[in-house]
């Protein structure tokens, strides 16, 4: 089961940012299935004046094995974010689970007239 939480008001971000966010969430959830014993995850989409923060977290613990993945998932997420001037961090959450955080900036021109929180 995946729980989705939305915060803030979405800016007009453009197809590139929306596709990158979608693909990052998709890959992070795939990694939950491949690398965690958890079958639940939380996706948070938090908009602010600077852009979108995407967080995907699972409660863990890690499973045993890679389930046949190619090992390029985190690299691909980082490359997608970097292409937009953003970043991705991934690692243990300190409570036995795993968390992926992506920051995807929205160009200033798209948020100038928007009322974001």
PDB file of N, CA and C in Angstrom:
ATOM      1  N   UNK A   1       0.842  -1.169   0.000  1.00  0.00           N
ATOM      2  CA  UNK A   1       0.000   0.000   0.000  1.00  0.00           C
ATOM      3  C   UNK A   1       0.897   1.245   0.000  1.00  0.00           C
ATOM      4  N   UNK A   2       0.531   2.202  -0.810  1.00  0.00           N
ATOM      5  CA  UNK A   2       1.278   3.451  -0.899  1.00  0.00           C
ATOM      6  C   UNK A   2       0.366   4.585  -0.447  1.00  0.00           C
ATOM      7  N   UNK A   3       0.869   5.383   0.478  1.00  0.00           N
ATOM      8  CA  UNK A   3       0.162   6.572   0.940  1.00  0.00           C
ATOM      9  C   UNK A   3       0.815   7.784   0.300  1.00  0.00           C
ATOM     10  N   UNK A   4       0.005   8.678  -0.261  1.00  0.00           N
ATOM     11  CA  UNK A   4       0.526   9.879  -0.899  1.00  0.00           C
ATOM     12  C   UNK A   4       0.070  11.089  -0.088  1.00  0.00           C
ATOM     13  N   UNK A   5       1.040  11.942   0.259  1.00  0.00           N
ATOM     14  CA  UNK A   5       0.761  13.179   0.979  1.00  0.00           C
ATOM     15  C   UNK A   5       1.199  14.344   0.108  1.00  0.00           C
ATOM     16  N   UNK A   6       0.346  15.344   0.013  1.00  0.00           N
ATOM     17  CA  UNK A   6       0.664  16.545  -0.767  1.00  0.00           C
ATOM     18  C   UNK A   6       0.704  17.740   0.155  1.00  0.00           C
ATOM     19  N   UNK A   7       1.711  18.577  -0.048  1.00  0.00           N
ATOM     20  CA  UNK A   7       1.849  19.800   0.754  1.00  0.00           C
ATOM     21  C   UNK A   7       2.116  20.960  -0.187  1.00  0.00           C
ATOM     22  N   UNK A   8       1.594  22.110   0.172  1.00  0.00           N
ATOM     23  CA  UNK A   8       1.809  23.297  -0.639  1.00  0.00           C
ATOM     24  C   UNK A   8       0.930  23.295  -1.871  1.00  0.00           C
ATOM     25  N   UNK A   9       1.128  24.293  -2.673  1.00  0.00           N
ATOM     26  CA  UNK A   9       0.351  24.462  -3.902  1.00  0.00           C
ATOM     27  C   UNK A   9       1.269  24.270  -5.098  1.00  0.00           C
ATOM     28  N   UNK A  10       0.878  23.373  -5.980  1.00  0.00           N
ATOM     29  CA  UNK A  10       1.714  23.044  -7.132  1.00  0.00           C
ATOM     30  C   UNK A  10       1.880  24.248  -8.048  1.00  0.00           C
ATOM     31  N   UNK A  11       3.115  24.459  -8.458  1.00  0.00           N
ATOM     32  CA  UNK A  11       3.425  25.497  -9.439  1.00  0.00           C
ATOM     33  C   UNK A  11       3.283  24.905 -10.834  1.00  0.00           C
ATOM     34  N   UNK A  12       3.156  25.764 -11.832  1.00  0.00           N
ATOM     35  CA  UNK A  12       3.190  25.290 -13.212  1.00  0.00           C
ATOM     36  C   UNK A  12       4.632  24.941 -13.516  1.00  0.00           C
ATOM     37  N   UNK A  13       4.923  23.662 -13.438  1.00  0.00           N
ATOM     38  CA  UNK A  13       6.309  23.217 -13.471  1.00  0.00           C
ATOM     39  C   UNK A  13       6.791  22.785 -14.840  1.00  0.00           C
ATOM     40  N   UNK A  14       5.921  22.439 -15.709  1.00  0.00           N
ATOM     41  CA  UNK A  14       6.334  21.953 -17.019  1.00  0.00           C
ATOM     42  C   UNK A  14       6.464  20.445 -17.049  1.00  0.00           C
ATOM     43  N   UNK A  15       6.392  19.930 -18.248  1.00  0.00           N
ATOM     44  CA  UNK A  15       6.396  18.483 -18.448  1.00  0.00           C
ATOM     45  C   UNK A  15       7.699  17.826 -18.001  1.00  0.00           C
ATOM     46  N   UNK A  16       8.824  18.514 -18.158  1.00  0.00           N
ATOM     47  CA  UNK A  16      10.105  17.926 -17.771  1.00  0.00           C
ATOM     48  C   UNK A  16      10.186  17.632 -16.284  1.00  0.00           C
ATOM     49  N   UNK A  17       9.785  18.583 -15.470  1.00  0.00           N
ATOM     50  CA  UNK A  17       9.815  18.379 -14.026  1.00  0.00           C
ATOM     51  C   UNK A  17       8.802  17.323 -13.617  1.00  0.00           C
ATOM     52  N   UNK A  18       7.619  17.371 -14.189  1.00  0.00           N
ATOM     53  CA  UNK A  18       6.589  16.391 -13.840  1.00  0.00           C
ATOM     54  C   UNK A  18       7.024  14.978 -14.205  1.00  0.00           C
ATOM     55  N   UNK A  19       7.642  14.813 -15.379  1.00  0.00           N
ATOM     56  CA  UNK A  19       8.121  13.497 -15.786  1.00  0.00           C
ATOM     57  C   UNK A  19       9.245  13.027 -14.863  1.00  0.00           C
ATOM     58  N   UNK A  20      10.160  13.908 -14.522  1.00  0.00           N
ATOM     59  CA  UNK A  20      11.257  13.535 -13.622  1.00  0.00           C
ATOM     60  C   UNK A  20      10.714  13.099 -12.262  1.00  0.00           C
ATOM     61  N   UNK A  21       9.752  13.853 -11.722  1.00  0.00           N
ATOM     62  CA  UNK A  21       9.160  13.487 -10.427  1.00  0.00           C
ATOM     63  C   UNK A  21       8.482  12.130 -10.517  1.00  0.00           C
ATOM     64  N   UNK A  22       7.715  11.918 -11.572  1.00  0.00           N
ATOM     65  CA  UNK A  22       7.038  10.636 -11.764  1.00  0.00           C
ATOM     66  C   UNK A  22       8.033   9.484 -11.815  1.00  0.00           C
ATOM     67  N   UNK A  23       9.080   9.637 -12.614  1.00  0.00           N
ATOM     68  CA  UNK A  23      10.052   8.559 -12.776  1.00  0.00           C
ATOM     69  C   UNK A  23      10.840   8.302 -11.494  1.00  0.00           C
ATOM     70  N   UNK A  24      11.139   9.355 -10.730  1.00  0.00           N
ATOM     71  CA  UNK A  24      11.837   9.175  -9.451  1.00  0.00           C
ATOM     72  C   UNK A  24      10.952   8.404  -8.483  1.00  0.00           C
ATOM     73  N   UNK A  25       9.681   8.783  -8.386  1.00  0.00           N
ATOM     74  CA  UNK A  25       8.756   8.046  -7.520  1.00  0.00           C
ATOM     75  C   UNK A  25       8.634   6.601  -7.992  1.00  0.00           C
ATOM     76  N   UNK A  26       8.492   6.402  -9.281  1.00  0.00           N
ATOM     77  CA  UNK A  26       8.362   5.059  -9.842  1.00  0.00           C
ATOM     78  C   UNK A  26       9.568   4.193  -9.470  1.00  0.00           C
ATOM     79  N   UNK A  27      10.757   4.707  -9.660  1.00  0.00           N
ATOM     80  CA  UNK A  27      11.966   3.940  -9.356  1.00  0.00           C
ATOM     81  C   UNK A  27      12.107   3.690  -7.859  1.00  0.00           C
ATOM     82  N   UNK A  28      11.808   4.692  -7.053  1.00  0.00           N
ATOM     83  CA  UNK A  28      11.913   4.522  -5.602  1.00  0.00           C
ATOM     84  C   UNK A  28      10.942   3.452  -5.103  1.00  0.00           C
ATOM     85  N   UNK A  29       9.722   3.432  -5.645  1.00  0.00           N
ATOM     86  CA  UNK A  29       8.761   2.401  -5.241  1.00  0.00           C
ATOM     87  C   UNK A  29       9.177   1.024  -5.750  1.00  0.00           C
ATOM     88  N   UNK A  30       9.759   0.970  -6.935  1.00  0.00           N
ATOM     89  CA  UNK A  30      10.295  -0.296  -7.446  1.00  0.00           C
ATOM     90  C   UNK A  30      11.382  -0.809  -6.508  1.00  0.00           C
ATOM     91  N   UNK A  31      12.217   0.096  -6.025  1.00  0.00           N
ATOM     92  CA  UNK A  31      13.279  -0.299  -5.092  1.00  0.00           C
ATOM     93  C   UNK A  31      12.720  -0.822  -3.776  1.00  0.00           C
ATOM     94  N   UNK A  32      11.592  -0.278  -3.324  1.00  0.00           N
ATOM     95  CA  UNK A  32      10.954  -0.810  -2.113  1.00  0.00           C
ATOM     96  C   UNK A  32      10.607  -2.275  -2.347  1.00  0.00           C
ATOM     97  N   UNK A  33       9.994  -2.574  -3.480  1.00  0.00           N
ATOM     98  CA  UNK A  33       9.618  -3.963  -3.779  1.00  0.00           C
ATOM     99  C   UNK A  33      10.825  -4.877  -3.926  1.00  0.00           C
ATOM    100  N   UNK A  34      11.903  -4.357  -4.495  1.00  0.00           N
ATOM    101  CA  UNK A  34      13.085  -5.187  -4.749  1.00  0.00           C
ATOM    102  C   UNK A  34      13.986  -5.371  -3.539  1.00  0.00           C
ATOM    103  N   UNK A  35      14.082  -4.356  -2.697  1.00  0.00           N
ATOM    104  CA  UNK A  35      15.137  -4.352  -1.675  1.00  0.00           C
ATOM    105  C   UNK A  35      14.651  -4.295  -0.234  1.00  0.00           C
ATOM    106  N   UNK A  36      13.338  -4.212  -0.031  1.00  0.00           N
ATOM    107  CA  UNK A  36      12.807  -4.094   1.326  1.00  0.00           C
ATOM    108  C   UNK A  36      11.813  -5.210   1.591  1.00  0.00           C
ATOM    109  N   UNK A  37      11.690  -5.587   2.843  1.00  0.00           N
ATOM    110  CA  UNK A  37      10.633  -6.527   3.207  1.00  0.00           C
ATOM    111  C   UNK A  37       9.313  -5.782   3.411  1.00  0.00           C
ATOM    112  N   UNK A  38       9.360  -4.468   3.472  1.00  0.00           N
ATOM    113  CA  UNK A  38       8.145  -3.659   3.644  1.00  0.00           C
ATOM    114  C   UNK A  38       7.268  -3.773   2.405  1.00  0.00           C
ATOM    115  N   UNK A  39       5.995  -3.715   2.599  1.00  0.00           N
ATOM    116  CA  UNK A  39       5.047  -3.669   1.489  1.00  0.00           C
ATOM    117  C   UNK A  39       4.172  -2.429   1.604  1.00  0.00           C
ATOM    118  N   UNK A  40       4.703  -1.443   2.313  1.00  0.00           N
ATOM    119  CA  UNK A  40       4.061  -0.137   2.412  1.00  0.00           C
ATOM    120  C   UNK A  40       5.122   0.924   2.167  1.00  0.00           C
ATOM    121  N   UNK A  41       4.663   2.061   1.691  1.00  0.00           N
ATOM    122  CA  UNK A  41       5.565   3.189   1.481  1.00  0.00           C
ATOM    123  C   UNK A  41       4.750   4.472   1.538  1.00  0.00           C
ATOM    124  N   UNK A  42       5.444   5.556   1.817  1.00  0.00           N
ATOM    125  CA  UNK A  42       4.829   6.875   1.824  1.00  0.00           C
ATOM    126  C   UNK A  42       5.527   7.732   0.785  1.00  0.00           C
ATOM    127  N   UNK A  43       4.727   8.418  -0.025  1.00  0.00           N
ATOM    128  CA  UNK A  43       5.231   9.370  -1.010  1.00  0.00           C
ATOM    129  C   UNK A  43       4.751  10.750  -0.570  1.00  0.00           C
ATOM    130  N   UNK A  44       5.676  11.677  -0.411  1.00  0.00           N
ATOM    131  CA  UNK A  44       5.311  13.050  -0.075  1.00  0.00           C
ATOM    132  C   UNK A  44       5.754  13.965  -1.203  1.00  0.00           C
ATOM    133  N   UNK A  45       4.822  14.793  -1.672  1.00  0.00           N
ATOM    134  CA  UNK A  45       5.098  15.804  -2.690  1.00  0.00           C
ATOM    135  C   UNK A  45       4.895  17.156  -2.019  1.00  0.00           C
ATOM    136  N   UNK A  46       5.978  17.867  -1.792  1.00  0.00           N
ATOM    137  CA  UNK A  46       5.917  19.133  -1.058  1.00  0.00           C
ATOM    138  C   UNK A  46       6.395  20.276  -1.948  1.00  0.00           C
ATOM    139  N   UNK A  47       5.465  21.161  -2.302  1.00  0.00           N
ATOM    140  CA  UNK A  47       5.773  22.319  -3.135  1.00  0.00           C
ATOM    141  C   UNK A  47       6.089  23.505  -2.252  1.00  0.00           C
ATOM    142  N   UNK A  48       7.072  24.283  -2.649  1.00  0.00           N
ATOM    143  CA  UNK A  48       7.341  25.573  -2.024  1.00  0.00           C
ATOM    144  C   UNK A  48       7.759  26.530  -3.127  1.00  0.00           C
ATOM    145  N   UNK A  49       8.155  27.711  -2.765  1.00  0.00           N
ATOM    146  CA  UNK A  49       8.484  28.737  -3.746  1.00  0.00           C
ATOM    147  C   UNK A  49       9.601  28.309  -4.710  1.00  0.00           C
ATOM    148  N   UNK A  50      10.501  27.469  -4.237  1.00  0.00           N
ATOM    149  CA  UNK A  50      11.640  27.074  -5.062  1.00  0.00           C
ATOM    150  C   UNK A  50      11.419  25.860  -5.931  1.00  0.00           C
ATOM    151  N   UNK A  51      10.406  25.070  -5.640  1.00  0.00           N
ATOM    152  CA  UNK A  51      10.202  23.883  -6.445  1.00  0.00           C
ATOM    153  C   UNK A  51       9.488  22.783  -5.700  1.00  0.00           C
ATOM    154  N   UNK A  52       9.818  21.563  -6.064  1.00  0.00           N
ATOM    155  CA  UNK A  52       9.160  20.379  -5.537  1.00  0.00           C
ATOM    156  C   UNK A  52      10.159  19.504  -4.803  1.00  0.00           C
ATOM    157  N   UNK A  53       9.784  19.101  -3.595  1.00  0.00           N
ATOM    158  CA  UNK A  53      10.552  18.103  -2.853  1.00  0.00           C
ATOM    159  C   UNK A  53       9.744  16.813  -2.878  1.00  0.00           C
ATOM    160  N   UNK A  54      10.363  15.740  -3.319  1.00  0.00           N
ATOM    161  CA  UNK A  54       9.727  14.436  -3.406  1.00  0.00           C
ATOM    162  C   UNK A  54      10.428  13.529  -2.406  1.00  0.00           C
ATOM    163  N   UNK A  55       9.659  12.913  -1.519  1.00  0.00           N
ATOM    164  CA  UNK A  55      10.220  11.963  -0.571  1.00  0.00           C
ATOM    165  C   UNK A  55       9.458  10.659  -0.678  1.00  0.00           C
ATOM    166  N   UNK A  56      10.184   9.560  -0.812  1.00  0.00           N
ATOM    167  CA  UNK A  56       9.604   8.226  -0.811  1.00  0.00           C
ATOM    168  C   UNK A  56      10.286   7.466   0.321  1.00  0.00           C
ATOM    169  N   UNK A  57       9.477   6.963   1.245  1.00  0.00           N
ATOM    170  CA  UNK A  57      10.047   6.281   2.414  1.00  0.00           C
ATOM    171  C   UNK A  57       9.325   4.970   2.666  1.00  0.00           C
ATOM    172  N   UNK A  58      10.084   3.972   3.106  1.00  0.00           N
ATOM    173  CA  UNK A  58       9.481   2.715   3.531  1.00  0.00           C
ATOM    174  C   UNK A  58      10.010   2.386   4.922  1.00  0.00           C
ATOM    175  N   UNK A  59       9.226   1.644   5.703  1.00  0.00           N
ATOM    176  CA  UNK A  59       9.627   1.363   7.079  1.00  0.00           C
ATOM    177  C   UNK A  59      10.664   0.263   7.220  1.00  0.00           C
ATOM    178  N   UNK A  60      10.998  -0.434   6.110  1.00  0.00           N
ATOM    179  CA  UNK A  60      12.005  -1.482   6.179  1.00  0.00           C
ATOM    180  C   UNK A  60      11.486  -2.701   6.909  1.00  0.00           C
ATOM    181  N   UNK A  61      12.367  -3.578   7.297  1.00  0.00           N
ATOM    182  CA  UNK A  61      13.811  -3.572   7.067  1.00  0.00           C
ATOM    183  C   UNK A  61      14.158  -4.029   5.658  1.00  0.00           C
ATOM    184  N   UNK A  62      15.427  -3.900   5.354  1.00  0.00           N
ATOM    185  CA  UNK A  62      15.921  -4.312   4.040  1.00  0.00           C
ATOM    186  C   UNK A  62      15.713  -5.803   3.857  1.00  0.00           C
ATOM    187  N   UNK A  63      15.467  -6.199   2.622  1.00  0.00           N
ATOM    188  CA  UNK A  63      15.341  -7.615   2.283  1.00  0.00           C
ATOM    189  C   UNK A  63      16.701  -8.174   1.954  1.00  0.00           C
ATOM    190  N   UNK A  64      16.741  -9.460   1.694  1.00  0.00           N
ATOM    191  CA  UNK A  64      18.035 -10.032   1.407  1.00  0.00           C
ATOM    192  C   UNK A  64      18.256 -10.187  -0.074  1.00  0.00           C
ATOM    193  N   UNK A  65      18.856  -9.493  -0.804  1.00  0.00           N
ATOM    194  CA  UNK A  65      19.045  -9.743  -2.222  1.00  0.00           C
ATOM    195  C   UNK A  65      18.592  -8.562  -3.053  1.00  0.00           C
ATOM    196  N   UNK A  66      19.032  -8.592  -4.289  1.00  0.00           N
ATOM    197  CA  UNK A  66      18.752  -7.450  -5.147  1.00  0.00           C
ATOM    198  C   UNK A  66      17.604  -7.690  -6.110  1.00  0.00           C
ATOM    199  N   UNK A  67      17.001  -8.862  -6.109  1.00  0.00           N
ATOM    200  CA  UNK A  67      15.867  -9.199  -6.958  1.00  0.00           C
ATOM    201  C   UNK A  67      16.146  -8.942  -8.436  1.00  0.00           C
ATOM    202  N   UNK A  68      17.390  -9.045  -8.844  1.00  0.00           N
ATOM    203  CA  UNK A  68      17.719  -8.950 -10.255  1.00  0.00           C
ATOM    204  C   UNK A  68      17.806  -7.560 -10.830  1.00  0.00           C
ATOM    205  N   UNK A  69      17.903  -6.552  -9.997  1.00  0.00           N
ATOM    206  CA  UNK A  69      18.004  -5.187 -10.510  1.00  0.00           C
ATOM    207  C   UNK A  69      19.340  -4.930 -11.178  1.00  0.00           C
ATOM    208  N   UNK A  70      19.375  -3.940 -12.051  1.00  0.00           N
ATOM    209  CA  UNK A  70      20.607  -3.640 -12.778  1.00  0.00           C
ATOM    210  C   UNK A  70      21.573  -2.793 -11.968  1.00  0.00           C
ATOM    211  N   UNK A  71      21.110  -2.220 -10.872  1.00  0.00           N
ATOM    212  CA  UNK A  71      21.982  -1.401 -10.055  1.00  0.00           C
ATOM    213  C   UNK A  71      22.082   0.036 -10.506  1.00  0.00           C
ATOM    214  N   UNK A  72      21.248   0.465 -11.453  1.00  0.00           N
ATOM    215  CA  UNK A  72      21.311   1.829 -11.973  1.00  0.00           C
ATOM    216  C   UNK A  72      20.169   2.718 -11.501  1.00  0.00           C
ATOM    217  N   UNK A  73      19.317   2.234 -10.625  1.00  0.00           N
ATOM    218  CA  UNK A  73      18.146   2.994 -10.198  1.00  0.00           C
ATOM    219  C   UNK A  73      18.479   4.310  -9.527  1.00  0.00           C
ATOM    220  N   UNK A  74      19.334   4.278  -8.523  1.00  0.00           N
ATOM    221  CA  UNK A  74      19.700   5.516  -7.823  1.00  0.00           C
ATOM    222  C   UNK A  74      20.473   6.452  -8.737  1.00  0.00           C
ATOM    223  N   UNK A  75      21.335   5.890  -9.563  1.00  0.00           N
ATOM    224  CA  UNK A  75      22.085   6.720 -10.511  1.00  0.00           C
ATOM    225  C   UNK A  75      21.128   7.420 -11.471  1.00  0.00           C
ATOM    226  N   UNK A  76      20.158   6.683 -11.981  1.00  0.00           N
ATOM    227  CA  UNK A  76      19.178   7.266 -12.890  1.00  0.00           C
ATOM    228  C   UNK A  76      18.371   8.380 -12.235  1.00  0.00           C
ATOM    229  N   UNK A  77      17.973   8.168 -10.974  1.00  0.00           N
ATOM    230  CA  UNK A  77      17.230   9.209 -10.247  1.00  0.00           C
ATOM    231  C   UNK A  77      18.084  10.462 -10.106  1.00  0.00           C
ATOM    232  N   UNK A  78      19.342  10.269  -9.745  1.00  0.00           N
ATOM    233  CA  UNK A  78      20.245  11.420  -9.575  1.00  0.00           C
ATOM    234  C   UNK A  78      20.457  12.162 -10.894  1.00  0.00           C
ATOM    235  N   UNK A  79      20.596  11.413 -11.975  1.00  0.00           N
ATOM    236  CA  UNK A  79      20.789  12.043 -13.286  1.00  0.00           C
ATOM    237  C   UNK A  79      19.552  12.831 -13.714  1.00  0.00           C
ATOM    238  N   UNK A  80      18.360  12.299 -13.473  1.00  0.00           N
ATOM    239  CA  UNK A  80      17.126  13.015 -13.822  1.00  0.00           C
ATOM    240  C   UNK A  80      17.024  14.325 -13.057  1.00  0.00           C
ATOM    241  N   UNK A  81      17.309  14.256 -11.765  1.00  0.00           N
ATOM    242  CA  UNK A  81      17.233  15.466 -10.941  1.00  0.00           C
ATOM    243  C   UNK A  81      18.300  16.473 -11.362  1.00  0.00           C
ATOM    244  N   UNK A  82      19.514  16.007 -11.585  1.00  0.00           N
ATOM    245  CA  UNK A  82      20.615  16.902 -11.956  1.00  0.00           C
ATOM    246  C   UNK A  82      20.340  17.609 -13.276  1.00  0.00           C
ATOM    247  N   UNK A  83      19.669  16.941 -14.207  1.00  0.00           N
ATOM    248  CA  UNK A  83      19.352  17.550 -15.500  1.00  0.00           C
ATOM    249  C   UNK A  83      18.464  18.778 -15.337  1.00  0.00           C
ATOM    250  N   UNK A  84      17.754  18.862 -14.207  1.00  0.00           N
ATOM    251  CA  UNK A  84      16.874  20.001 -13.917  1.00  0.00           C
ATOM    252  C   UNK A  84      17.488  20.952 -12.896  1.00  0.00           C
ATOM    253  N   UNK A  85      18.738  20.685 -12.514  1.00  0.00           N
ATOM    254  CA  UNK A  85      19.387  21.504 -11.492  1.00  0.00           C
ATOM    255  C   UNK A  85      19.050  21.072 -10.081  1.00  0.00           C
ATOM    256  N   UNK A  86      18.542  19.849  -9.930  1.00  0.00           N
ATOM    257  CA  UNK A  86      18.137  19.342  -8.625  1.00  0.00           C
ATOM    258  C   UNK A  86      19.092  18.294  -8.092  1.00  0.00           C
ATOM    259  N   UNK A  87      18.633  17.581  -7.076  1.00  0.00           N
ATOM    260  CA  UNK A  87      19.477  16.586  -6.429  1.00  0.00           C
ATOM    261  C   UNK A  87      18.625  15.463  -5.846  1.00  0.00           C
ATOM    262  N   UNK A  88      19.276  14.341  -5.578  1.00  0.00           N
ATOM    263  CA  UNK A  88      18.637  13.197  -4.927  1.00  0.00           C
ATOM    264  C   UNK A  88      19.572  12.689  -3.846  1.00  0.00           C
ATOM    265  N   UNK A  89      19.008  12.435  -2.685  1.00  0.00           N
ATOM    266  CA  UNK A  89      19.729  11.779  -1.595  1.00  0.00           C
ATOM    267  C   UNK A  89      18.959  10.524  -1.238  1.00  0.00           C
ATOM    268  N   UNK A  90      19.671   9.445  -0.958  1.00  0.00           N
ATOM    269  CA  UNK A  90      19.023   8.196  -0.579  1.00  0.00           C
ATOM    270  C   UNK A  90      19.847   7.517   0.494  1.00  0.00           C
ATOM    271  N   UNK A  91      19.147   6.895   1.440  1.00  0.00           N
ATOM    272  CA  UNK A  91      19.847   6.171   2.479  1.00  0.00           C
ATOM    273  C   UNK A  91      18.935   5.752   3.606  1.00  0.00           C
ATOM    274  N   UNK A  92      19.508   5.088   4.599  1.00  0.00           N
ATOM    275  CA  UNK A  92      18.726   4.661   5.760  1.00  0.00           C
ATOM    276  C   UNK A  92      18.087   5.867   6.449  1.00  0.00           C
ATOM    277  N   UNK A  93      16.888   5.642   6.998  1.00  0.00           N
ATOM    278  CA  UNK A  93      16.179   6.744   7.653  1.00  0.00           C
ATOM    279  C   UNK A  93      16.465   6.840   9.156  1.00  0.00           C
ATOM    280  N   UNK A  94      17.287   5.954   9.680  1.00  0.00           N
ATOM    281  CA  UNK A  94      17.625   5.981  11.099  1.00  0.00           C
ATOM    282  C   UNK A  94      16.669   5.186  11.976  1.00  0.00           C
ATOM    283  N   UNK A  95      15.592   4.679  11.390  1.00  0.00           N
ATOM    284  CA  UNK A  95      14.607   3.911  12.156  1.00  0.00           C
ATOM    285  C   UNK A  95      14.405   2.518  11.549  1.00  0.00           C
ATOM    286  N   UNK A  96      15.328   2.077  10.700  1.00  0.00           N
ATOM    287  CA  UNK A  96      15.236   0.760  10.103  1.00  0.00           C
ATOM    288  C   UNK A  96      14.704   0.736   8.686  1.00  0.00           C
ATOM    289  N   UNK A  97      14.257   1.876   8.203  1.00  0.00           N
ATOM    290  CA  UNK A  97      13.722   1.953   6.852  1.00  0.00           C
ATOM    291  C   UNK A  97      14.681   2.653   5.902  1.00  0.00           C
ATOM    292  N   UNK A  98      14.156   3.033   4.757  1.00  0.00           N
ATOM    293  CA  UNK A  98      14.947   3.667   3.701  1.00  0.00           C
ATOM    294  C   UNK A  98      14.171   4.862   3.185  1.00  0.00           C
ATOM    295  N   UNK A  99      14.910   5.896   2.785  1.00  0.00           N
ATOM    296  CA  UNK A  99      14.257   7.119   2.302  1.00  0.00           C
ATOM    297  C   UNK A  99      15.011   7.665   1.097  1.00  0.00           C
ATOM    298  N   UNK A 100      14.246   8.075   0.097  1.00  0.00           N
ATOM    299  CA  UNK A 100      14.775   8.769  -1.074  1.00  0.00           C
ATOM    300  C   UNK A 100      14.180  10.172  -1.043  1.00  0.00           C
ATOM    301  N   UNK A 101      15.045  11.175  -1.139  1.00  0.00           N
ATOM    302  CA  UNK A 101      14.593  12.573  -1.183  1.00  0.00           C
ATOM    303  C   UNK A 101      15.140  13.224  -2.445  1.00  0.00           C
ATOM    304  N   UNK A 102      14.235  13.795  -3.218  1.00  0.00           N
ATOM    305  CA  UNK A 102      14.632  14.518  -4.432  1.00  0.00           C
ATOM    306  C   UNK A 102      14.174  15.960  -4.307  1.00  0.00           C
ATOM    307  N   UNK A 103      15.018  16.849  -4.767  1.00  0.00           N
ATOM    308  CA  UNK A 103      14.679  18.277  -4.819  1.00  0.00           C
ATOM    309  C   UNK A 103      14.740  18.695  -6.282  1.00  0.00           C
ATOM    310  N   UNK A 104      13.601  19.143  -6.808  1.00  0.00           N
ATOM    311  CA  UNK A 104      13.501  19.530  -8.207  1.00  0.00           C
ATOM    312  C   UNK A 104      13.092  21.000  -8.267  1.00  0.00           C
ATOM    313  N   UNK A 105      14.006  21.878  -8.656  1.00  0.00           N
ATOM    314  CA  UNK A 105      13.687  23.306  -8.677  1.00  0.00           C
ATOM    315  C   UNK A 105      12.792  23.679  -9.854  1.00  0.00           C
ATOM    316  N   UNK A 106      11.949  24.664  -9.612  1.00  0.00           N
ATOM    317  CA  UNK A 106      11.134  25.241 -10.673  1.00  0.00           C
ATOM    318  C   UNK A 106      11.786  26.563 -11.046  1.00  0.00           C
ATOM    319  N   UNK A 107      11.995  26.809 -12.321  1.00  0.00           N
ATOM    320  CA  UNK A 107      12.574  28.095 -12.715  1.00  0.00           C
ATOM    321  C   UNK A 107      11.763  29.252 -12.141  1.00  0.00           C
ATOM    322  N   UNK A 108      12.441  30.298 -11.703  1.00  0.00           N
ATOM    323  CA  UNK A 108      11.791  31.428 -11.036  1.00  0.00           C
ATOM    324  C   UNK A 108      10.653  32.012 -11.849  1.00  0.00           C
ATOM    325  N   UNK A 109      10.765  32.046 -13.161  1.00  0.00           N
ATOM    326  CA  UNK A 109       9.728  32.642 -14.004  1.00  0.00           C
ATOM    327  C   UNK A 109       8.399  31.914 -13.864  1.00  0.00           C
ATOM    328  N   UNK A 110       8.408  30.641 -13.519  1.00  0.00           N
ATOM    329  CA  UNK A 110       7.148  29.915 -13.423  1.00  0.00           C
ATOM    330  C   UNK A 110       6.482  30.103 -12.073  1.00  0.00           C
ATOM    331  N   UNK A 111       7.195  30.639 -11.082  1.00  0.00           N
ATOM    332  CA  UNK A 111       6.593  30.797  -9.765  1.00  0.00           C
ATOM    333  C   UNK A 111       6.379  32.262  -9.389  1.00  0.00           C
ATOM    334  N   UNK A 112       6.830  33.201 -10.203  1.00  0.00           N
ATOM    335  CA  UNK A 112       6.703  34.614  -9.872  1.00  0.00           C
ATOM    336  C   UNK A 112       5.284  35.029  -9.531  1.00  0.00           C
ATOM    337  N   UNK A 113       4.314  34.612 -10.327  1.00  0.00           N
ATOM    338  CA  UNK A 113       2.942  35.020 -10.119  1.00  0.00           C
ATOM    339  C   UNK A 113       2.139  33.995  -9.351  1.00  0.00           C
ATOM    340  N   UNK A 114       2.761  32.870  -9.004  1.00  0.00           N
ATOM    341  CA  UNK A 114       2.036  31.810  -8.292  1.00  0.00           C
ATOM    342  C   UNK A 114       2.015  32.064  -6.801  1.00  0.00           C
ATOM    343  N   UNK A 115       0.944  31.655  -6.182  1.00  0.00           N
ATOM    344  CA  UNK A 115       0.812  31.780  -4.734  1.00  0.00           C
ATOM    345  C   UNK A 115       1.158  30.437  -4.126  1.00  0.00           C
ATOM    346  N   UNK A 116       2.443  30.218  -3.847  1.00  0.00           N
ATOM    347  CA  UNK A 116       2.862  28.934  -3.295  1.00  0.00           C
ATOM    348  C   UNK A 116       3.123  29.068  -1.815  1.00  0.00           C
ATOM    349  N   UNK A 117       3.040  27.936  -1.144  1.00  0.00           N
ATOM    350  CA  UNK A 117       3.309  27.920   0.297  1.00  0.00           C
ATOM    351  C   UNK A 117       4.564  27.160   0.596  1.00  0.00           C
TER     352      UNK A 117
END
